[in-house]
Amino acid sequence: MSRANPPPPPGQDEAEKTPVAVALRYDVPRDGAPRVVAKGRGAEAEAILKLAFANDIKVREDADLATLLHAVDLDAEIPLAAFTAVAEILAYLYRLNGGLPEAVRRDAAAHAGPVPSVPVR
């Protein structure tokens, strides 16, 4: 499978048409939020994608989100501005994989407080 970038619109500079890839880790017991664990442009981005495909890691193409996350330092949590988009991707992946990972369920149960009762009228 080959991947080619479409020709850029007139006036678009080289940095804007260079492929960007960002890899995230979300280890629920350890991380408060997803973290950027790899990022790259050009050949580095292609290497990240090749590694992901070789390990059956799901890849989502979203140029705007990749650009936003590429600005984040390695091993830093994702910014608040990316939470909604990343949460949607995680929800999609959880559905594809048959539900929440056991570690996520355990952590949620351990941190869940009592469920308040609400009178039904």
N, C-alpha and C. Protein backbone atom coordinates (compact mmCIF):
# COMPACT_ATOMS: atom_id res chain seq x y z
N MET A 1 0.85 -1.17 0.00
CA MET A 1 0.00 0.00 0.00
C MET A 1 0.89 1.23 0.00
N SER A 2 0.68 2.11 -0.90
CA SER A 2 1.45 3.35 -0.90
C SER A 2 0.54 4.50 -0.54
N ARG A 3 1.13 5.46 0.09
CA ARG A 3 0.36 6.64 0.49
C ARG A 3 1.01 7.84 -0.17
N ALA A 4 0.21 8.62 -0.82
CA ALA A 4 0.72 9.83 -1.47
C ALA A 4 -0.06 11.02 -0.96
N ASN A 5 0.62 12.11 -0.82
CA ASN A 5 -0.06 13.34 -0.42
C ASN A 5 -0.58 14.03 -1.67
N PRO A 6 -1.82 14.52 -1.65
CA PRO A 6 -2.32 15.25 -2.82
C PRO A 6 -1.52 16.52 -3.00
N PRO A 7 -1.51 17.04 -4.22
CA PRO A 7 -0.77 18.29 -4.42
C PRO A 7 -1.35 19.39 -3.55
N PRO A 8 -0.49 20.24 -2.99
CA PRO A 8 -0.98 21.30 -2.11
C PRO A 8 -1.68 22.39 -2.91
N PRO A 9 -2.61 23.08 -2.26
CA PRO A 9 -3.23 24.22 -2.92
C PRO A 9 -2.18 25.30 -3.19
N PRO A 10 -2.42 26.16 -4.16
CA PRO A 10 -1.46 27.23 -4.42
C PRO A 10 -1.22 28.06 -3.17
N GLY A 11 0.04 28.36 -2.91
CA GLY A 11 0.40 29.20 -1.78
C GLY A 11 0.68 28.42 -0.51
N GLN A 12 0.44 27.11 -0.51
CA GLN A 12 0.69 26.33 0.70
C GLN A 12 2.19 26.03 0.77
N ASP A 13 2.79 26.26 1.95
CA ASP A 13 4.23 26.06 2.06
C ASP A 13 4.58 24.60 2.34
N GLU A 14 5.87 24.28 2.27
CA GLU A 14 6.36 22.91 2.44
C GLU A 14 5.95 22.29 3.77
N ALA A 15 6.03 23.05 4.87
CA ALA A 15 5.71 22.50 6.19
C ALA A 15 4.26 22.03 6.26
N GLU A 16 3.37 22.70 5.55
CA GLU A 16 1.96 22.35 5.60
C GLU A 16 1.65 21.08 4.83
N LYS A 17 2.45 20.71 3.83
CA LYS A 17 2.16 19.50 3.06
C LYS A 17 2.99 18.30 3.50
N THR A 18 3.87 18.47 4.46
CA THR A 18 4.67 17.38 4.98
C THR A 18 3.82 16.52 5.90
N PRO A 19 3.85 15.18 5.72
CA PRO A 19 3.05 14.33 6.60
C PRO A 19 3.45 14.48 8.07
N VAL A 20 2.46 14.41 8.94
CA VAL A 20 2.68 14.52 10.39
C VAL A 20 2.03 13.30 11.04
N ALA A 21 2.71 12.71 12.01
CA ALA A 21 2.14 11.59 12.77
C ALA A 21 2.43 11.80 14.25
N VAL A 22 1.45 11.43 15.07
CA VAL A 22 1.59 11.53 16.52
C VAL A 22 1.03 10.25 17.12
N ALA A 23 1.77 9.67 18.05
CA ALA A 23 1.30 8.48 18.76
C ALA A 23 0.98 8.86 20.19
N LEU A 24 -0.14 8.33 20.68
CA LEU A 24 -0.59 8.61 22.04
C LEU A 24 -0.58 7.33 22.87
N ARG A 25 -0.40 7.51 24.16
CA ARG A 25 -0.54 6.41 25.13
C ARG A 25 -1.54 6.88 26.17
N TYR A 26 -2.43 5.97 26.55
CA TYR A 26 -3.35 6.29 27.64
C TYR A 26 -3.41 5.08 28.55
N ASP A 27 -2.61 5.12 29.59
CA ASP A 27 -2.56 4.06 30.58
C ASP A 27 -3.35 4.57 31.79
N VAL A 28 -4.59 4.13 31.89
CA VAL A 28 -5.53 4.70 32.86
C VAL A 28 -4.99 4.72 34.29
N PRO A 29 -4.44 3.62 34.80
CA PRO A 29 -3.97 3.68 36.19
C PRO A 29 -2.81 4.67 36.39
N ARG A 30 -2.03 4.92 35.33
CA ARG A 30 -0.84 5.74 35.47
C ARG A 30 -1.01 7.17 34.97
N ASP A 31 -1.78 7.36 33.91
CA ASP A 31 -1.88 8.67 33.27
C ASP A 31 -3.19 9.36 33.60
N GLY A 32 -3.11 10.66 33.88
CA GLY A 32 -4.32 11.43 34.10
C GLY A 32 -5.04 11.75 32.81
N ALA A 33 -4.31 11.71 31.70
CA ALA A 33 -4.85 11.99 30.37
C ALA A 33 -3.92 11.32 29.36
N PRO A 34 -4.38 11.17 28.12
CA PRO A 34 -3.49 10.61 27.10
C PRO A 34 -2.21 11.45 26.97
N ARG A 35 -1.11 10.77 26.67
CA ARG A 35 0.19 11.43 26.52
C ARG A 35 0.75 11.21 25.12
N VAL A 36 1.51 12.19 24.65
CA VAL A 36 2.21 12.08 23.36
C VAL A 36 3.48 11.27 23.61
N VAL A 37 3.58 10.11 22.94
CA VAL A 37 4.76 9.26 23.16
C VAL A 37 5.67 9.18 21.94
N ALA A 38 5.19 9.65 20.79
CA ALA A 38 6.02 9.73 19.59
C ALA A 38 5.40 10.75 18.67
N LYS A 39 6.24 11.44 17.93
CA LYS A 39 5.74 12.40 16.95
C LYS A 39 6.81 12.63 15.91
N GLY A 40 6.39 12.98 14.72
CA GLY A 40 7.36 13.24 13.67
C GLY A 40 6.73 13.84 12.44
N ARG A 41 7.59 14.36 11.59
CA ARG A 41 7.20 14.93 10.30
C ARG A 41 8.00 14.21 9.22
N GLY A 42 7.43 14.15 8.04
CA GLY A 42 8.14 13.57 6.91
C GLY A 42 8.49 12.11 7.13
N ALA A 43 9.79 11.78 6.99
CA ALA A 43 10.24 10.39 7.13
C ALA A 43 9.96 9.84 8.52
N GLU A 44 10.06 10.68 9.56
CA GLU A 44 9.75 10.22 10.92
C GLU A 44 8.27 9.84 11.02
N ALA A 45 7.40 10.64 10.42
CA ALA A 45 5.97 10.34 10.43
C ALA A 45 5.69 9.02 9.72
N GLU A 46 6.32 8.82 8.57
CA GLU A 46 6.15 7.57 7.83
C GLU A 46 6.63 6.37 8.66
N ALA A 47 7.72 6.54 9.40
CA ALA A 47 8.23 5.45 10.25
C ALA A 47 7.26 5.13 11.39
N ILE A 48 6.66 6.15 11.98
CA ILE A 48 5.67 5.95 13.05
C ILE A 48 4.47 5.19 12.48
N LEU A 49 4.00 5.60 11.31
CA LEU A 49 2.85 4.92 10.69
C LEU A 49 3.18 3.48 10.33
N LYS A 50 4.36 3.26 9.79
CA LYS A 50 4.78 1.90 9.42
C LYS A 50 4.80 1.00 10.66
N LEU A 51 5.33 1.50 11.76
CA LEU A 51 5.38 0.74 13.01
C LEU A 51 3.97 0.46 13.53
N ALA A 52 3.09 1.45 13.44
CA ALA A 52 1.71 1.25 13.89
C ALA A 52 1.03 0.18 13.05
N PHE A 53 1.14 0.27 11.74
CA PHE A 53 0.49 -0.71 10.87
C PHE A 53 1.07 -2.11 11.11
N ALA A 54 2.37 -2.21 11.30
CA ALA A 54 3.02 -3.50 11.52
C ALA A 54 2.55 -4.15 12.83
N ASN A 55 2.10 -3.33 13.78
CA ASN A 55 1.67 -3.85 15.09
C ASN A 55 0.16 -3.81 15.26
N ASP A 56 -0.57 -3.68 14.15
CA ASP A 56 -2.04 -3.64 14.16
C ASP A 56 -2.60 -2.58 15.09
N ILE A 57 -1.91 -1.45 15.16
CA ILE A 57 -2.41 -0.32 15.94
C ILE A 57 -3.27 0.52 15.01
N LYS A 58 -4.45 0.84 15.49
CA LYS A 58 -5.39 1.61 14.67
C LYS A 58 -4.84 3.02 14.45
N VAL A 59 -5.03 3.51 13.23
CA VAL A 59 -4.54 4.84 12.85
C VAL A 59 -5.74 5.66 12.39
N ARG A 60 -5.80 6.87 12.87
CA ARG A 60 -6.87 7.80 12.48
C ARG A 60 -6.24 8.96 11.75
N GLU A 61 -6.75 9.30 10.59
CA GLU A 61 -6.21 10.42 9.82
C GLU A 61 -7.00 11.68 10.15
N ASP A 62 -6.32 12.63 10.77
CA ASP A 62 -6.94 13.91 11.14
C ASP A 62 -5.82 14.94 11.16
N ALA A 63 -5.66 15.63 10.06
CA ALA A 63 -4.53 16.55 9.91
C ALA A 63 -4.53 17.66 10.96
N ASP A 64 -5.69 18.21 11.26
CA ASP A 64 -5.76 19.31 12.24
C ASP A 64 -5.36 18.82 13.63
N LEU A 65 -5.88 17.66 14.03
CA LEU A 65 -5.54 17.12 15.34
C LEU A 65 -4.06 16.74 15.41
N ALA A 66 -3.54 16.14 14.34
CA ALA A 66 -2.12 15.76 14.31
C ALA A 66 -1.24 17.00 14.45
N THR A 67 -1.60 18.07 13.78
CA THR A 67 -0.82 19.31 13.86
C THR A 67 -0.85 19.87 15.28
N LEU A 68 -2.04 19.88 15.90
CA LEU A 68 -2.17 20.36 17.28
C LEU A 68 -1.33 19.52 18.23
N LEU A 69 -1.43 18.19 18.11
CA LEU A 69 -0.70 17.30 19.02
C LEU A 69 0.80 17.29 18.76
N HIS A 70 1.20 17.57 17.52
CA HIS A 70 2.63 17.61 17.21
C HIS A 70 3.35 18.73 17.98
N ALA A 71 2.61 19.76 18.36
CA ALA A 71 3.20 20.88 19.11
C ALA A 71 3.40 20.54 20.58
N VAL A 72 2.83 19.43 21.04
CA VAL A 72 2.94 19.02 22.45
C VAL A 72 4.29 18.34 22.67
N ASP A 73 4.92 18.62 23.81
CA ASP A 73 6.19 17.97 24.15
C ASP A 73 6.01 16.47 24.31
N LEU A 74 7.06 15.71 24.00
CA LEU A 74 7.02 14.27 24.22
C LEU A 74 6.79 13.96 25.69
N ASP A 75 6.00 12.97 25.96
CA ASP A 75 5.61 12.49 27.28
C ASP A 75 4.74 13.49 28.05
N ALA A 76 4.24 14.50 27.36
CA ALA A 76 3.33 15.46 28.00
C ALA A 76 1.89 15.05 27.73
N GLU A 77 1.00 15.40 28.67
CA GLU A 77 -0.41 15.13 28.45
C GLU A 77 -0.94 16.00 27.32
N ILE A 78 -1.95 15.50 26.65
CA ILE A 78 -2.54 16.27 25.55
C ILE A 78 -3.20 17.53 26.11
N PRO A 79 -3.28 18.60 25.32
CA PRO A 79 -3.90 19.83 25.81
C PRO A 79 -5.42 19.69 25.88
N LEU A 80 -6.01 20.51 26.71
CA LEU A 80 -7.46 20.51 26.87
C LEU A 80 -8.18 20.67 25.54
N ALA A 81 -7.61 21.45 24.64
CA ALA A 81 -8.24 21.70 23.34
C ALA A 81 -8.39 20.41 22.51
N ALA A 82 -7.62 19.37 22.83
CA ALA A 82 -7.66 18.12 22.07
C ALA A 82 -8.51 17.05 22.75
N PHE A 83 -8.98 17.29 23.97
CA PHE A 83 -9.68 16.25 24.73
C PHE A 83 -10.89 15.68 23.99
N THR A 84 -11.75 16.53 23.45
CA THR A 84 -12.96 16.03 22.81
C THR A 84 -12.62 15.15 21.62
N ALA A 85 -11.72 15.60 20.76
CA ALA A 85 -11.36 14.81 19.58
C ALA A 85 -10.71 13.49 19.97
N VAL A 86 -9.82 13.51 20.95
CA VAL A 86 -9.15 12.28 21.39
C VAL A 86 -10.16 11.35 22.07
N ALA A 87 -11.07 11.90 22.86
CA ALA A 87 -12.09 11.07 23.52
C ALA A 87 -12.97 10.38 22.48
N GLU A 88 -13.32 11.06 21.40
CA GLU A 88 -14.11 10.44 20.34
C GLU A 88 -13.35 9.30 19.68
N ILE A 89 -12.05 9.49 19.47
CA ILE A 89 -11.22 8.44 18.88
C ILE A 89 -11.14 7.24 19.83
N LEU A 90 -10.91 7.51 21.11
CA LEU A 90 -10.83 6.41 22.09
C LEU A 90 -12.16 5.65 22.17
N ALA A 91 -13.27 6.36 22.17
CA ALA A 91 -14.58 5.71 22.21
C ALA A 91 -14.77 4.82 20.99
N TYR A 92 -14.37 5.30 19.82
CA TYR A 92 -14.45 4.52 18.59
C TYR A 92 -13.60 3.26 18.70
N LEU A 93 -12.38 3.41 19.19
CA LEU A 93 -11.48 2.26 19.33
C LEU A 93 -12.01 1.25 20.34
N TYR A 94 -12.56 1.74 21.45
CA TYR A 94 -13.13 0.83 22.44
C TYR A 94 -14.29 0.03 21.83
N ARG A 95 -15.13 0.69 21.01
CA ARG A 95 -16.22 -0.03 20.36
C ARG A 95 -15.68 -1.08 19.40
N LEU A 96 -14.66 -0.72 18.61
CA LEU A 96 -14.05 -1.68 17.68
C LEU A 96 -13.48 -2.89 18.41
N ASN A 97 -12.92 -2.65 19.57
CA ASN A 97 -12.25 -3.72 20.32
C ASN A 97 -13.16 -4.43 21.32
N GLY A 98 -14.46 -4.16 21.25
CA GLY A 98 -15.40 -4.89 22.09
C GLY A 98 -15.62 -4.32 23.47
N GLY A 99 -15.33 -3.08 23.69
CA GLY A 99 -15.61 -2.45 24.98
C GLY A 99 -14.38 -1.90 25.66
N LEU A 100 -14.59 -1.40 26.86
CA LEU A 100 -13.50 -0.81 27.62
C LEU A 100 -12.50 -1.88 28.06
N PRO A 101 -11.22 -1.57 28.03
CA PRO A 101 -10.22 -2.52 28.54
C PRO A 101 -10.46 -2.78 30.02
N GLU A 102 -10.10 -3.95 30.48
CA GLU A 102 -10.31 -4.34 31.88
C GLU A 102 -9.68 -3.32 32.83
N ALA A 103 -8.49 -2.81 32.50
CA ALA A 103 -7.81 -1.84 33.38
C ALA A 103 -8.65 -0.57 33.54
N VAL A 104 -9.32 -0.15 32.49
CA VAL A 104 -10.16 1.05 32.56
C VAL A 104 -11.36 0.78 33.46
N ARG A 105 -11.98 -0.41 33.30
CA ARG A 105 -13.14 -0.75 34.14
C ARG A 105 -12.74 -0.82 35.61
N ARG A 106 -11.60 -1.46 35.90
CA ARG A 106 -11.13 -1.57 37.30
C ARG A 106 -10.87 -0.20 37.89
N ASP A 107 -10.20 0.66 37.13
CA ASP A 107 -9.87 2.00 37.63
C ASP A 107 -11.13 2.81 37.87
N ALA A 108 -12.08 2.72 36.97
CA ALA A 108 -13.34 3.46 37.14
C ALA A 108 -14.08 2.97 38.38
N ALA A 109 -14.09 1.66 38.59
CA ALA A 109 -14.78 1.11 39.76
C ALA A 109 -14.08 1.53 41.04
N ALA A 110 -12.75 1.58 41.02
CA ALA A 110 -12.00 1.93 42.22
C ALA A 110 -12.19 3.40 42.60
N HIS A 111 -12.42 4.26 41.61
CA HIS A 111 -12.55 5.70 41.88
C HIS A 111 -13.99 6.17 41.94
N ALA A 112 -14.91 5.27 41.69
CA ALA A 112 -16.32 5.67 41.69
C ALA A 112 -16.81 5.82 43.13
N GLY A 113 -17.45 6.90 43.37
CA GLY A 113 -18.07 7.12 44.67
C GLY A 113 -19.46 6.52 44.66
N PRO A 114 -20.15 6.68 45.75
CA PRO A 114 -21.53 6.17 45.79
C PRO A 114 -22.39 6.89 44.78
N VAL A 115 -23.27 6.15 44.16
CA VAL A 115 -24.18 6.74 43.19
C VAL A 115 -25.33 7.39 43.96
N PRO A 116 -25.54 8.69 43.79
CA PRO A 116 -26.61 9.34 44.55
C PRO A 116 -27.97 8.84 44.09
N SER A 117 -28.86 8.71 45.04
CA SER A 117 -30.21 8.30 44.66
C SER A 117 -31.01 9.56 44.34
N VAL A 118 -31.77 9.46 43.30
CA VAL A 118 -32.59 10.58 42.87
C VAL A 118 -34.03 10.11 42.84
N PRO A 119 -34.90 10.78 43.58
CA PRO A 119 -36.30 10.33 43.58
C PRO A 119 -36.90 10.47 42.18
N VAL A 120 -37.64 9.46 41.79
CA VAL A 120 -38.31 9.48 40.49
C VAL A 120 -39.76 9.85 40.74
N ARG A 121 -40.25 10.83 40.02
CA ARG A 121 -41.64 11.27 40.21
C ARG A 121 -42.44 11.01 38.99
